[in-house]
């Protein structure tokens, strides 16, 4: 099965590479392939992201200044819960068998040497994701206390009564409902071309909380993830 046969909708990848050009090219290519992609320039930034967001797969460059891909993989595998089980694909210019063995020994799922064909990268990512399974995208009705959101229909009801949503509010709730209990980056929700400041998202969240939450100032279901964005936490 190829990526074109099975669109990777909802799959979130982390790309870590200190080379700006390679990192940007990877992000652009994988985004065009249908993935949601977050990029980091080194180990410190990657650790912060892995601590606050859920990823379906991480792509680590091995040869980076400071913390290299080996050390980052070792740290990741020491983490508890789902984060520590995040699949890892390592990219490196090193071709020695010993380096490949070291990466796999530390818990990497696959190893791809540079230079590589973009199609091979996609095929390897899809193969890892097939083996790992992955979180199913949310469909149907999500329970939000006294309210319920039908993600398929884009309909919100509270106390059994329909609640009017604007088109922007419906889009925002659907985006968050795709990955419940997972933080979604504020700028991913905004769309840089439509809302480069992200302020419109904040306004929509405030309005939605008034419709969903018993106490909008202490939200239970539409949560803020500090430094990242927002998360929908259904019952």
Protein backbone atom coordinates (compact mmCIF):
# COMPACT_ATOMS: atom_id res chain seq x y z
CA UNK A 1 0.00 0.00 0.00
CA UNK A 2 1.44 3.38 -0.97
CA UNK A 3 0.88 6.77 0.61
CA UNK A 4 -1.30 7.75 -2.31
CA UNK A 5 -3.51 4.72 -1.61
CA UNK A 6 -3.76 5.50 2.11
CA UNK A 7 -3.64 9.25 2.83
CA UNK A 8 -1.72 9.96 6.07
CA UNK A 9 -4.42 12.37 7.27
CA UNK A 10 -3.97 13.30 10.92
CA UNK A 11 -0.46 11.81 11.20
CA UNK A 12 1.87 14.21 13.02
CA UNK A 13 5.61 14.01 12.36
CA UNK A 14 8.52 15.66 14.18
CA UNK A 15 11.56 16.46 12.02
CA UNK A 16 14.81 17.30 13.85
CA UNK A 17 17.79 18.48 11.79
CA UNK A 18 20.30 21.27 12.44
CA UNK A 19 20.67 22.03 8.71
CA UNK A 20 18.11 24.73 7.93
CA UNK A 21 17.93 23.88 4.24
CA UNK A 22 17.41 20.16 4.75
CA UNK A 23 14.94 20.73 7.58
CA UNK A 24 12.85 23.12 5.50
CA UNK A 25 12.92 20.82 2.47
CA UNK A 26 11.84 17.83 4.55
CA UNK A 27 9.03 19.80 6.15
CA UNK A 28 7.79 21.08 2.79
CA UNK A 29 8.01 17.67 1.11
CA UNK A 30 6.30 15.75 3.91
CA UNK A 31 3.60 18.40 4.26
CA UNK A 32 2.84 18.13 0.54
CA UNK A 33 2.64 14.36 1.03
CA UNK A 34 -0.22 14.94 3.46
CA UNK A 35 1.46 14.85 6.85
CA UNK A 36 1.21 17.41 9.60
CA UNK A 37 4.85 18.36 10.28
CA UNK A 38 6.57 20.15 13.17
CA UNK A 39 10.29 20.87 12.86
CA UNK A 40 13.08 21.49 15.37
CA UNK A 41 16.70 22.53 14.87
CA UNK A 42 18.21 20.51 17.70
CA UNK A 43 17.82 18.30 20.74
CA UNK A 44 16.69 20.94 23.25
CA UNK A 45 13.83 22.15 21.05
CA UNK A 46 12.90 18.55 20.21
CA UNK A 47 12.67 17.63 23.89
CA UNK A 48 10.32 20.55 24.58
CA UNK A 49 8.08 19.55 21.68
CA UNK A 50 8.06 15.87 22.63
CA UNK A 51 7.12 16.86 26.17
CA UNK A 52 4.10 18.89 25.10
CA UNK A 53 2.83 17.34 21.85
CA UNK A 54 2.01 13.82 20.68
CA UNK A 55 3.74 12.63 17.51
CA UNK A 56 3.07 9.59 15.35
CA UNK A 57 6.73 9.43 14.28
CA UNK A 58 9.98 11.34 14.77
CA UNK A 59 12.72 11.81 12.17
CA UNK A 60 16.09 12.47 13.84
CA UNK A 61 19.29 13.52 12.10
CA UNK A 62 22.21 11.77 13.78
CA UNK A 63 25.04 14.25 13.26
CA UNK A 64 23.94 17.41 15.07
CA UNK A 65 26.01 19.76 17.23
CA UNK A 66 25.33 19.42 20.93
CA UNK A 67 22.94 16.53 21.40
CA UNK A 68 23.12 14.08 18.50
CA UNK A 69 20.38 11.78 17.25
CA UNK A 70 21.70 8.83 19.24
CA UNK A 71 21.46 10.72 22.53
CA UNK A 72 18.03 12.09 21.64
CA UNK A 73 16.75 8.59 20.84
CA UNK A 74 18.14 7.25 24.11
CA UNK A 75 16.38 10.05 26.03
CA UNK A 76 13.10 9.46 24.20
CA UNK A 77 13.10 5.74 24.95
CA UNK A 78 13.57 6.53 28.64
CA UNK A 79 10.32 8.54 28.73
CA UNK A 80 7.22 6.98 30.23
CA UNK A 81 3.91 6.47 28.46
CA UNK A 82 3.10 6.92 24.78
CA UNK A 83 5.83 9.53 24.24
CA UNK A 84 8.56 6.98 24.93
CA UNK A 85 7.07 4.65 22.33
CA UNK A 86 7.11 7.21 19.51
CA UNK A 87 8.60 5.52 16.41
CA UNK A 88 11.95 6.95 15.28
CA UNK A 89 13.51 7.09 11.82
CA UNK A 90 17.17 8.15 11.86
CA UNK A 91 18.79 10.10 9.02
CA UNK A 92 22.54 10.35 8.68
CA UNK A 93 25.42 10.70 6.27
CA UNK A 94 27.22 7.98 8.19
CA UNK A 95 27.25 4.70 6.33
CA UNK A 96 29.11 2.40 8.71
CA UNK A 97 27.29 -0.72 9.85
CA UNK A 98 28.32 0.03 13.42
CA UNK A 99 26.40 3.31 13.42
CA UNK A 100 23.28 1.65 12.02
CA UNK A 101 23.50 -1.04 14.67
CA UNK A 102 23.95 1.58 17.40
CA UNK A 103 20.86 3.47 16.29
CA UNK A 104 18.75 0.33 16.19
CA UNK A 105 20.14 -0.84 19.54
CA UNK A 106 19.04 2.44 21.13
CA UNK A 107 15.49 1.91 19.91
CA UNK A 108 15.29 3.50 16.46
CA UNK A 109 12.76 1.79 14.18
CA UNK A 110 14.65 2.36 10.95
CA UNK A 111 17.78 4.00 9.58
CA UNK A 112 18.16 5.87 6.28
CA UNK A 113 21.50 7.10 4.99
CA UNK A 114 22.03 10.40 3.20
CA UNK A 115 21.66 11.13 0.37
CA UNK A 116 18.33 9.41 -0.12
CA UNK A 117 15.44 9.46 -2.56
CA UNK A 118 12.39 11.30 -1.19
CA UNK A 119 10.15 8.45 -2.31
CA UNK A 120 12.17 6.01 -0.22
CA UNK A 121 11.79 8.27 2.81
CA UNK A 122 8.01 8.30 2.33
CA UNK A 123 7.87 4.53 1.92
CA UNK A 124 9.94 3.94 5.04
CA UNK A 125 7.80 6.34 7.07
CA UNK A 126 4.62 4.63 5.92
CA UNK A 127 6.07 1.20 6.67
CA UNK A 128 6.94 2.27 10.23
CA UNK A 129 3.48 3.77 10.74
CA UNK A 130 1.82 0.57 9.49
CA UNK A 131 3.83 -1.49 11.97
CA UNK A 132 3.16 0.95 14.80
CA UNK A 133 -0.54 1.24 14.07
CA UNK A 134 -1.24 4.82 15.15
CA UNK A 135 -4.00 6.70 16.89
CA UNK A 136 -7.31 6.53 15.06
CA UNK A 137 -8.78 9.85 14.04
CA UNK A 138 -11.85 10.79 16.02
CA UNK A 139 -15.16 10.46 14.22
CA UNK A 140 -18.76 10.58 15.33
CA UNK A 141 -20.01 12.19 18.54
CA UNK A 142 -17.69 13.45 21.29
CA UNK A 143 -19.10 13.91 24.79
CA UNK A 144 -18.30 17.28 26.36
CA UNK A 145 -20.21 17.13 29.62
CA UNK A 146 -23.72 18.45 29.03
CA UNK A 147 -22.74 19.09 25.41
CA UNK A 148 -21.91 16.82 22.50
CA UNK A 149 -20.10 17.54 19.24
CA UNK A 150 -20.83 15.49 16.13
CA UNK A 151 -17.56 15.77 14.23
CA UNK A 152 -19.01 14.20 11.09
CA UNK A 153 -21.96 16.58 10.89
CA UNK A 154 -20.22 19.56 12.49
CA UNK A 155 -23.09 19.93 14.95
CA UNK A 156 -22.96 20.97 18.60
CA UNK A 157 -25.78 20.25 21.05
CA UNK A 158 -26.01 21.21 24.72
CA UNK A 159 -28.69 19.75 26.96
CA UNK A 160 -30.16 18.10 23.89
CA UNK A 161 -30.69 21.43 22.13
CA UNK A 162 -28.76 22.50 18.99
CA UNK A 163 -26.22 25.29 19.46
CA UNK A 164 -25.43 27.57 16.55
CA UNK A 165 -21.79 27.56 15.46
CA UNK A 166 -20.12 29.87 12.99
CA UNK A 167 -18.22 28.29 10.12
CA UNK A 168 -14.92 29.22 11.79
CA UNK A 169 -16.00 27.67 15.11
CA UNK A 170 -17.08 24.46 13.38
CA UNK A 171 -13.75 24.23 11.54
CA UNK A 172 -11.81 24.80 14.77
CA UNK A 173 -13.74 22.14 16.70
CA UNK A 174 -13.30 19.65 13.86
CA UNK A 175 -9.55 20.27 13.80
CA UNK A 176 -9.29 19.65 17.54
CA UNK A 177 -11.62 16.64 17.36
CA UNK A 178 -9.32 14.85 14.91
CA UNK A 179 -6.84 14.23 17.72
CA UNK A 180 -8.72 14.40 21.05
CA UNK A 181 -6.58 14.83 24.18
CA UNK A 182 -3.65 15.96 21.98
CA UNK A 183 -2.37 19.52 21.97
CA UNK A 184 -2.63 21.21 18.57
CA UNK A 185 -0.30 24.04 17.72
CA UNK A 186 -2.05 27.43 17.74
CA UNK A 187 -0.60 28.43 14.36
CA UNK A 188 -1.65 25.11 12.82
CA UNK A 189 -5.19 25.93 13.91
CA UNK A 190 -4.90 29.47 12.59
CA UNK A 191 -3.39 28.78 9.20
CA UNK A 192 -0.55 31.19 8.53
CA UNK A 193 -2.04 32.51 5.28
CA UNK A 194 -5.47 33.20 6.83
CA UNK A 195 -4.52 34.29 10.34
CA UNK A 196 -0.77 34.94 10.67
CA UNK A 197 -1.15 36.35 14.21
CA UNK A 198 -3.29 33.52 15.59
CA UNK A 199 -5.53 36.04 17.37
CA UNK A 200 -8.66 34.93 15.54
CA UNK A 201 -8.20 31.44 17.00
CA UNK A 202 -8.08 32.89 20.52
CA UNK A 203 -11.33 34.77 19.87
CA UNK A 204 -13.02 31.61 18.55
CA UNK A 205 -11.84 29.59 21.54
CA UNK A 206 -13.25 32.20 23.93
CA UNK A 207 -16.62 32.11 22.16
CA UNK A 208 -16.69 28.31 22.07
CA UNK A 209 -15.96 28.09 25.77
CA UNK A 210 -19.00 30.24 26.47
CA UNK A 211 -21.08 27.70 24.57
CA UNK A 212 -19.49 24.49 25.90
CA UNK A 213 -18.06 25.09 29.36
CA UNK A 214 -19.98 25.38 32.64
CA UNK A 215 -17.27 27.82 33.74
CA UNK A 216 -15.54 29.39 30.70
CA UNK A 217 -12.84 30.89 32.96
CA UNK A 218 -11.88 27.41 34.18
CA UNK A 219 -12.34 25.30 31.04
CA UNK A 220 -12.65 21.54 31.40
CA UNK A 221 -13.08 20.49 27.77
CA UNK A 222 -11.43 23.17 25.60
CA UNK A 223 -8.07 23.48 27.30
CA UNK A 224 -5.12 25.81 26.80
CA UNK A 225 -1.72 24.12 26.50
CA UNK A 226 0.73 26.82 27.53
CA UNK A 227 3.32 27.64 24.89
CA UNK A 228 1.69 25.35 22.33
CA UNK A 229 -1.99 25.90 21.57
CA UNK A 230 -5.23 24.16 22.50
CA UNK A 231 -6.54 20.68 23.26
CA UNK A 232 -10.04 19.18 23.18
CA UNK A 233 -10.53 16.81 26.12
CA UNK A 234 -13.83 14.94 25.71
CA UNK A 235 -15.19 12.61 28.42
